[in-house]
Amino acid sequence: MTEVFYATVVDGKIKFDNPNLWDRYYKRLSGQSIEISVKPLGKKRNVKQNRYYWKVIVKRVSDYLGYSDREVHEILKNRFDVDSTKNLNVYEFSEYIEDICRWAAVEWQLHLPNPSSYQTSRRDKEQE
């Protein structure tokens, strides 16, 4: 099972956001070989990405499948092994959206507009 822990590097030392949770977790692994990956978080997903995800991706898949937006959100998270979209940074959220678009096209021949064409078409409609 993969666990994710958040921390900040301060003066060359790792300061865990929840050090007690980290301590409890790694002590259970005593005697086991483990892999540790480290990556900078970057900025969290942005409002524009989130709006596109809910208004275009989730809404269109929801309409196609006949499920609620919340149900589709859970289906997509499970399909792409994402615990929470809230924790994704801008890059990871973009990859998640691209993965969904490719999957929807292959799985259901459902073509979802990319974010740039969605923004352009919205501006065009607002100007009419």
N, C-alpha and C. Protein backbone atom coordinates (compact mmCIF):
# COMPACT_ATOMS: atom_id res chain seq x y z
N MET A 1 0.84 -1.18 0.00
CA MET A 1 0.00 0.00 0.00
C MET A 1 0.89 1.24 0.00
N THR A 2 0.56 2.20 -0.83
CA THR A 2 1.32 3.44 -0.90
C THR A 2 0.70 4.47 0.02
N GLU A 3 1.52 5.11 0.79
CA GLU A 3 1.08 6.20 1.65
C GLU A 3 1.78 7.47 1.19
N VAL A 4 1.12 8.60 1.37
CA VAL A 4 1.69 9.89 1.00
C VAL A 4 1.77 10.75 2.25
N PHE A 5 2.92 11.33 2.47
CA PHE A 5 3.13 12.23 3.60
C PHE A 5 3.62 13.56 3.05
N TYR A 6 3.14 14.65 3.61
CA TYR A 6 3.53 15.97 3.16
C TYR A 6 4.49 16.58 4.17
N ALA A 7 5.50 17.27 3.64
CA ALA A 7 6.51 17.86 4.50
C ALA A 7 7.10 19.08 3.80
N THR A 8 7.85 19.83 4.57
CA THR A 8 8.57 20.99 4.06
C THR A 8 10.04 20.82 4.45
N VAL A 9 10.93 21.20 3.55
CA VAL A 9 12.35 21.15 3.88
C VAL A 9 12.74 22.52 4.43
N VAL A 10 13.23 22.51 5.67
CA VAL A 10 13.65 23.75 6.35
C VAL A 10 15.07 23.56 6.85
N ASP A 11 15.96 24.41 6.40
CA ASP A 11 17.37 24.33 6.81
C ASP A 11 17.94 22.92 6.64
N GLY A 12 17.61 22.28 5.52
CA GLY A 12 18.15 20.96 5.22
C GLY A 12 17.51 19.82 5.98
N LYS A 13 16.45 20.09 6.73
CA LYS A 13 15.77 19.04 7.49
C LYS A 13 14.32 18.93 7.05
N ILE A 14 13.81 17.70 7.10
CA ILE A 14 12.42 17.46 6.71
C ILE A 14 11.51 17.70 7.91
N LYS A 15 10.53 18.58 7.73
CA LYS A 15 9.53 18.87 8.76
C LYS A 15 8.18 18.36 8.24
N PHE A 16 7.73 17.24 8.79
CA PHE A 16 6.48 16.64 8.34
C PHE A 16 5.29 17.46 8.82
N ASP A 17 4.27 17.56 7.94
CA ASP A 17 3.05 18.27 8.32
C ASP A 17 2.36 17.56 9.48
N ASN A 18 2.46 16.24 9.49
CA ASN A 18 1.86 15.46 10.56
C ASN A 18 2.91 14.44 11.04
N PRO A 19 3.85 14.90 11.88
CA PRO A 19 4.96 14.02 12.27
C PRO A 19 4.52 12.78 13.05
N ASN A 20 3.46 12.87 13.82
CA ASN A 20 3.00 11.70 14.58
C ASN A 20 2.51 10.59 13.65
N LEU A 21 1.82 10.97 12.60
CA LEU A 21 1.34 9.99 11.62
C LEU A 21 2.53 9.31 10.94
N TRP A 22 3.51 10.11 10.53
CA TRP A 22 4.72 9.56 9.91
C TRP A 22 5.41 8.57 10.86
N ASP A 23 5.59 8.96 12.11
CA ASP A 23 6.26 8.09 13.09
C ASP A 23 5.54 6.75 13.24
N ARG A 24 4.23 6.81 13.37
CA ARG A 24 3.45 5.56 13.53
C ARG A 24 3.59 4.68 12.29
N TYR A 25 3.56 5.30 11.12
CA TYR A 25 3.62 4.54 9.87
C TYR A 25 4.97 3.85 9.69
N TYR A 26 6.05 4.60 9.75
CA TYR A 26 7.34 3.98 9.44
C TYR A 26 7.77 2.97 10.49
N LYS A 27 7.31 3.09 11.72
CA LYS A 27 7.67 2.11 12.74
C LYS A 27 7.06 0.74 12.45
N ARG A 28 5.92 0.73 11.76
CA ARG A 28 5.28 -0.53 11.38
C ARG A 28 6.07 -1.27 10.30
N LEU A 29 6.96 -0.56 9.64
CA LEU A 29 7.73 -1.14 8.53
C LEU A 29 9.08 -1.69 8.95
N SER A 30 9.31 -1.77 10.23
CA SER A 30 10.60 -2.22 10.75
C SER A 30 11.02 -3.55 10.11
N GLY A 31 12.23 -3.58 9.58
CA GLY A 31 12.78 -4.79 8.98
C GLY A 31 12.42 -4.98 7.52
N GLN A 32 11.59 -4.12 6.95
CA GLN A 32 11.19 -4.24 5.55
C GLN A 32 11.99 -3.29 4.67
N SER A 33 12.20 -3.68 3.43
CA SER A 33 12.79 -2.77 2.45
C SER A 33 11.68 -1.86 1.93
N ILE A 34 11.99 -0.59 1.76
CA ILE A 34 10.98 0.36 1.27
C ILE A 34 11.58 1.22 0.17
N GLU A 35 10.72 1.90 -0.55
CA GLU A 35 11.14 2.87 -1.56
C GLU A 35 10.60 4.22 -1.13
N ILE A 36 11.43 5.23 -1.19
CA ILE A 36 11.01 6.58 -0.83
C ILE A 36 11.18 7.46 -2.05
N SER A 37 10.12 8.16 -2.44
CA SER A 37 10.18 9.10 -3.56
C SER A 37 9.94 10.50 -3.02
N VAL A 38 10.66 11.46 -3.57
CA VAL A 38 10.51 12.85 -3.14
C VAL A 38 10.30 13.70 -4.37
N LYS A 39 9.34 14.61 -4.31
CA LYS A 39 9.12 15.53 -5.42
C LYS A 39 8.59 16.84 -4.87
N PRO A 40 8.97 17.95 -5.50
CA PRO A 40 8.40 19.22 -5.08
C PRO A 40 6.91 19.25 -5.45
N LEU A 41 6.11 19.83 -4.60
CA LEU A 41 4.67 19.83 -4.85
C LEU A 41 4.25 20.81 -5.94
N GLY A 42 4.85 21.93 -6.01
CA GLY A 42 4.39 22.93 -6.96
C GLY A 42 3.06 23.50 -6.49
N LYS A 43 2.49 24.34 -7.31
CA LYS A 43 1.22 24.95 -6.95
C LYS A 43 0.09 23.95 -7.09
N LYS A 44 -0.88 24.06 -6.19
CA LYS A 44 -2.06 23.20 -6.28
C LYS A 44 -2.83 23.54 -7.55
N ARG A 45 -3.67 22.61 -7.98
CA ARG A 45 -4.49 22.86 -9.16
C ARG A 45 -5.14 24.23 -9.01
N ASN A 46 -5.47 24.84 -10.14
CA ASN A 46 -6.03 26.19 -10.06
C ASN A 46 -7.53 26.20 -10.33
N VAL A 47 -8.13 27.34 -10.09
CA VAL A 47 -9.59 27.49 -10.23
C VAL A 47 -10.04 27.21 -11.66
N LYS A 48 -9.25 27.66 -12.62
CA LYS A 48 -9.59 27.45 -14.04
C LYS A 48 -9.64 25.96 -14.37
N GLN A 49 -8.64 25.22 -13.90
CA GLN A 49 -8.60 23.78 -14.13
C GLN A 49 -9.80 23.10 -13.46
N ASN A 50 -10.07 23.49 -12.25
CA ASN A 50 -11.16 22.88 -11.50
C ASN A 50 -12.51 23.14 -12.17
N ARG A 51 -12.70 24.37 -12.64
CA ARG A 51 -13.94 24.72 -13.33
C ARG A 51 -14.10 23.89 -14.61
N TYR A 52 -13.04 23.79 -15.39
CA TYR A 52 -13.06 22.99 -16.62
C TYR A 52 -13.38 21.52 -16.30
N TYR A 53 -12.73 21.00 -15.27
CA TYR A 53 -12.95 19.60 -14.87
C TYR A 53 -14.42 19.35 -14.56
N TRP A 54 -15.03 20.19 -13.74
CA TRP A 54 -16.43 19.97 -13.33
C TRP A 54 -17.43 20.34 -14.41
N LYS A 55 -17.20 21.45 -15.10
CA LYS A 55 -18.17 21.94 -16.10
C LYS A 55 -18.10 21.21 -17.43
N VAL A 56 -16.93 20.67 -17.77
CA VAL A 56 -16.79 20.01 -19.06
C VAL A 56 -16.59 18.51 -18.88
N ILE A 57 -15.50 18.12 -18.24
CA ILE A 57 -15.17 16.70 -18.14
C ILE A 57 -16.26 15.94 -17.38
N VAL A 58 -16.45 16.29 -16.14
CA VAL A 58 -17.41 15.55 -15.30
C VAL A 58 -18.82 15.68 -15.86
N LYS A 59 -19.22 16.87 -16.28
CA LYS A 59 -20.58 17.09 -16.78
C LYS A 59 -20.86 16.26 -18.04
N ARG A 60 -19.95 16.28 -18.97
CA ARG A 60 -20.19 15.54 -20.23
C ARG A 60 -20.16 14.03 -20.02
N VAL A 61 -19.25 13.55 -19.18
CA VAL A 61 -19.22 12.11 -18.89
C VAL A 61 -20.49 11.73 -18.11
N SER A 62 -20.90 12.58 -17.21
CA SER A 62 -22.12 12.35 -16.44
C SER A 62 -23.34 12.27 -17.36
N ASP A 63 -23.45 13.21 -18.28
CA ASP A 63 -24.57 13.20 -19.24
C ASP A 63 -24.53 11.94 -20.10
N TYR A 64 -23.34 11.54 -20.52
CA TYR A 64 -23.19 10.37 -21.37
C TYR A 64 -23.57 9.08 -20.64
N LEU A 65 -23.11 8.95 -19.40
CA LEU A 65 -23.33 7.72 -18.64
C LEU A 65 -24.65 7.69 -17.87
N GLY A 66 -25.21 8.87 -17.61
CA GLY A 66 -26.45 8.92 -16.85
C GLY A 66 -26.25 8.86 -15.34
N TYR A 67 -25.05 9.15 -14.88
CA TYR A 67 -24.76 9.19 -13.45
C TYR A 67 -24.71 10.64 -12.99
N SER A 68 -24.76 10.84 -11.69
CA SER A 68 -24.62 12.19 -11.15
C SER A 68 -23.18 12.65 -11.29
N ASP A 69 -22.97 13.95 -11.18
CA ASP A 69 -21.62 14.50 -11.26
C ASP A 69 -20.73 13.90 -10.17
N ARG A 70 -21.24 13.78 -8.97
CA ARG A 70 -20.45 13.21 -7.86
C ARG A 70 -20.06 11.76 -8.14
N GLU A 71 -21.01 10.99 -8.68
CA GLU A 71 -20.72 9.59 -9.00
C GLU A 71 -19.62 9.49 -10.06
N VAL A 72 -19.71 10.33 -11.08
CA VAL A 72 -18.70 10.32 -12.14
C VAL A 72 -17.34 10.74 -11.56
N HIS A 73 -17.33 11.73 -10.71
CA HIS A 73 -16.09 12.16 -10.07
C HIS A 73 -15.43 10.98 -9.34
N GLU A 74 -16.22 10.21 -8.61
CA GLU A 74 -15.69 9.05 -7.88
C GLU A 74 -15.22 7.96 -8.85
N ILE A 75 -15.99 7.73 -9.91
CA ILE A 75 -15.62 6.73 -10.92
C ILE A 75 -14.25 7.09 -11.54
N LEU A 76 -14.09 8.37 -11.89
CA LEU A 76 -12.84 8.81 -12.51
C LEU A 76 -11.67 8.70 -11.54
N LYS A 77 -11.88 9.11 -10.31
CA LYS A 77 -10.80 8.99 -9.31
C LYS A 77 -10.39 7.53 -9.14
N ASN A 78 -11.37 6.64 -9.06
CA ASN A 78 -11.05 5.22 -8.90
C ASN A 78 -10.36 4.66 -10.14
N ARG A 79 -10.83 5.04 -11.30
CA ARG A 79 -10.25 4.54 -12.56
C ARG A 79 -8.79 4.93 -12.71
N PHE A 80 -8.46 6.15 -12.28
CA PHE A 80 -7.11 6.66 -12.45
C PHE A 80 -6.31 6.69 -11.15
N ASP A 81 -6.81 5.98 -10.15
CA ASP A 81 -6.10 5.81 -8.88
C ASP A 81 -5.68 7.14 -8.25
N VAL A 82 -6.65 8.05 -8.13
CA VAL A 82 -6.42 9.35 -7.52
C VAL A 82 -7.22 9.40 -6.22
N ASP A 83 -6.52 9.61 -5.12
CA ASP A 83 -7.21 9.69 -3.82
C ASP A 83 -8.08 10.93 -3.73
N SER A 84 -7.52 12.06 -4.10
CA SER A 84 -8.25 13.32 -4.05
C SER A 84 -7.68 14.27 -5.08
N THR A 85 -8.53 14.88 -5.88
CA THR A 85 -8.05 15.85 -6.86
C THR A 85 -7.58 17.12 -6.17
N LYS A 86 -8.01 17.33 -4.94
CA LYS A 86 -7.59 18.53 -4.19
C LYS A 86 -6.09 18.54 -3.93
N ASN A 87 -5.48 17.37 -3.88
CA ASN A 87 -4.06 17.28 -3.58
C ASN A 87 -3.16 17.34 -4.81
N LEU A 88 -3.75 17.37 -5.99
CA LEU A 88 -2.95 17.39 -7.21
C LEU A 88 -2.43 18.79 -7.49
N ASN A 89 -1.19 18.86 -7.98
CA ASN A 89 -0.67 20.16 -8.38
C ASN A 89 -1.12 20.44 -9.82
N VAL A 90 -0.75 21.60 -10.34
CA VAL A 90 -1.20 22.02 -11.68
C VAL A 90 -0.83 20.98 -12.74
N TYR A 91 0.42 20.53 -12.70
CA TYR A 91 0.89 19.56 -13.68
C TYR A 91 0.15 18.23 -13.55
N GLU A 92 0.04 17.71 -12.33
CA GLU A 92 -0.64 16.42 -12.10
C GLU A 92 -2.10 16.49 -12.51
N PHE A 93 -2.76 17.62 -12.21
CA PHE A 93 -4.17 17.76 -12.57
C PHE A 93 -4.33 17.81 -14.09
N SER A 94 -3.40 18.47 -14.77
CA SER A 94 -3.44 18.50 -16.24
C SER A 94 -3.28 17.09 -16.81
N GLU A 95 -2.36 16.32 -16.25
CA GLU A 95 -2.17 14.94 -16.70
C GLU A 95 -3.42 14.10 -16.44
N TYR A 96 -4.03 14.29 -15.30
CA TYR A 96 -5.26 13.58 -14.94
C TYR A 96 -6.35 13.87 -15.97
N ILE A 97 -6.53 15.13 -16.31
CA ILE A 97 -7.54 15.53 -17.29
C ILE A 97 -7.22 14.93 -18.67
N GLU A 98 -5.96 14.97 -19.08
CA GLU A 98 -5.57 14.39 -20.36
C GLU A 98 -5.83 12.88 -20.38
N ASP A 99 -5.53 12.20 -19.29
CA ASP A 99 -5.79 10.76 -19.20
C ASP A 99 -7.28 10.47 -19.36
N ILE A 100 -8.11 11.26 -18.71
CA ILE A 100 -9.56 11.07 -18.81
C ILE A 100 -10.02 11.30 -20.24
N CYS A 101 -9.53 12.34 -20.88
CA CYS A 101 -9.94 12.64 -22.27
C CYS A 101 -9.57 11.50 -23.21
N ARG A 102 -8.35 10.97 -23.07
CA ARG A 102 -7.94 9.83 -23.92
C ARG A 102 -8.80 8.61 -23.64
N TRP A 103 -9.02 8.33 -22.38
CA TRP A 103 -9.81 7.16 -21.99
C TRP A 103 -11.25 7.26 -22.50
N ALA A 104 -11.86 8.43 -22.35
CA ALA A 104 -13.24 8.62 -22.82
C ALA A 104 -13.34 8.45 -24.33
N ALA A 105 -12.33 8.92 -25.04
CA ALA A 105 -12.33 8.79 -26.50
C ALA A 105 -12.22 7.33 -26.93
N VAL A 106 -11.37 6.57 -26.26
CA VAL A 106 -11.17 5.17 -26.61
C VAL A 106 -12.33 4.31 -26.11
N GLU A 107 -12.71 4.51 -24.88
CA GLU A 107 -13.73 3.67 -24.23
C GLU A 107 -15.13 3.88 -24.80
N TRP A 108 -15.50 5.15 -25.03
CA TRP A 108 -16.89 5.46 -25.45
C TRP A 108 -16.98 6.29 -26.72
N GLN A 109 -15.83 6.58 -27.35
CA GLN A 109 -15.80 7.49 -28.49
C GLN A 109 -16.40 8.85 -28.11
N LEU A 110 -16.20 9.22 -26.86
CA LEU A 110 -16.68 10.50 -26.33
C LEU A 110 -15.51 11.49 -26.38
N HIS A 111 -15.62 12.48 -27.25
CA HIS A 111 -14.54 13.44 -27.43
C HIS A 111 -14.82 14.68 -26.60
N LEU A 112 -13.93 14.93 -25.67
CA LEU A 112 -14.07 16.06 -24.76
C LEU A 112 -13.16 17.19 -25.26
N PRO A 113 -13.67 18.42 -25.29
CA PRO A 113 -12.83 19.53 -25.78
C PRO A 113 -11.66 19.78 -24.85
N ASN A 114 -10.53 20.16 -25.43
CA ASN A 114 -9.40 20.49 -24.57
C ASN A 114 -9.65 21.85 -23.92
N PRO A 115 -8.96 22.15 -22.84
CA PRO A 115 -9.24 23.38 -22.11
C PRO A 115 -9.14 24.65 -22.95
N SER A 116 -8.18 24.73 -23.85
CA SER A 116 -8.03 25.96 -24.64
C SER A 116 -9.21 26.16 -25.59
N SER A 117 -9.72 25.10 -26.21
CA SER A 117 -10.88 25.27 -27.10
C SER A 117 -12.14 25.54 -26.30
N TYR A 118 -12.22 25.01 -25.10
CA TYR A 118 -13.37 25.29 -24.22
C TYR A 118 -13.38 26.76 -23.84
N GLN A 119 -12.24 27.33 -23.49
CA GLN A 119 -12.17 28.74 -23.11
C GLN A 119 -12.51 29.62 -24.30
N THR A 120 -12.00 29.28 -25.50
CA THR A 120 -12.28 30.06 -26.69
C THR A 120 -13.76 30.05 -27.01
N SER A 121 -14.37 28.86 -26.99
CA SER A 121 -15.79 28.77 -27.34
C SER A 121 -16.65 29.49 -26.32
N ARG A 122 -16.28 29.48 -25.05
CA ARG A 122 -17.03 30.20 -24.02
C ARG A 122 -16.96 31.70 -24.27
N ARG A 123 -15.76 32.21 -24.60
CA ARG A 123 -15.62 33.64 -24.86
C ARG A 123 -16.43 34.03 -26.08
N ASP A 124 -16.41 33.21 -27.13
CA ASP A 124 -17.18 33.51 -28.33
C ASP A 124 -18.66 33.61 -28.00
N LYS A 125 -19.18 32.68 -27.21
CA LYS A 125 -20.60 32.69 -26.85
C LYS A 125 -20.95 33.90 -26.01
N GLU A 126 -20.04 34.29 -25.11
CA GLU A 126 -20.31 35.45 -24.25
C GLU A 126 -20.33 36.74 -25.06
N GLN A 127 -19.60 36.79 -26.19
CA GLN A 127 -19.54 38.01 -27.00
C GLN A 127 -20.74 38.12 -27.92
N GLU A 128 -21.47 37.03 -28.15
CA GLU A 128 -22.64 37.07 -29.05
C GLU A 128 -23.79 37.79 -28.41
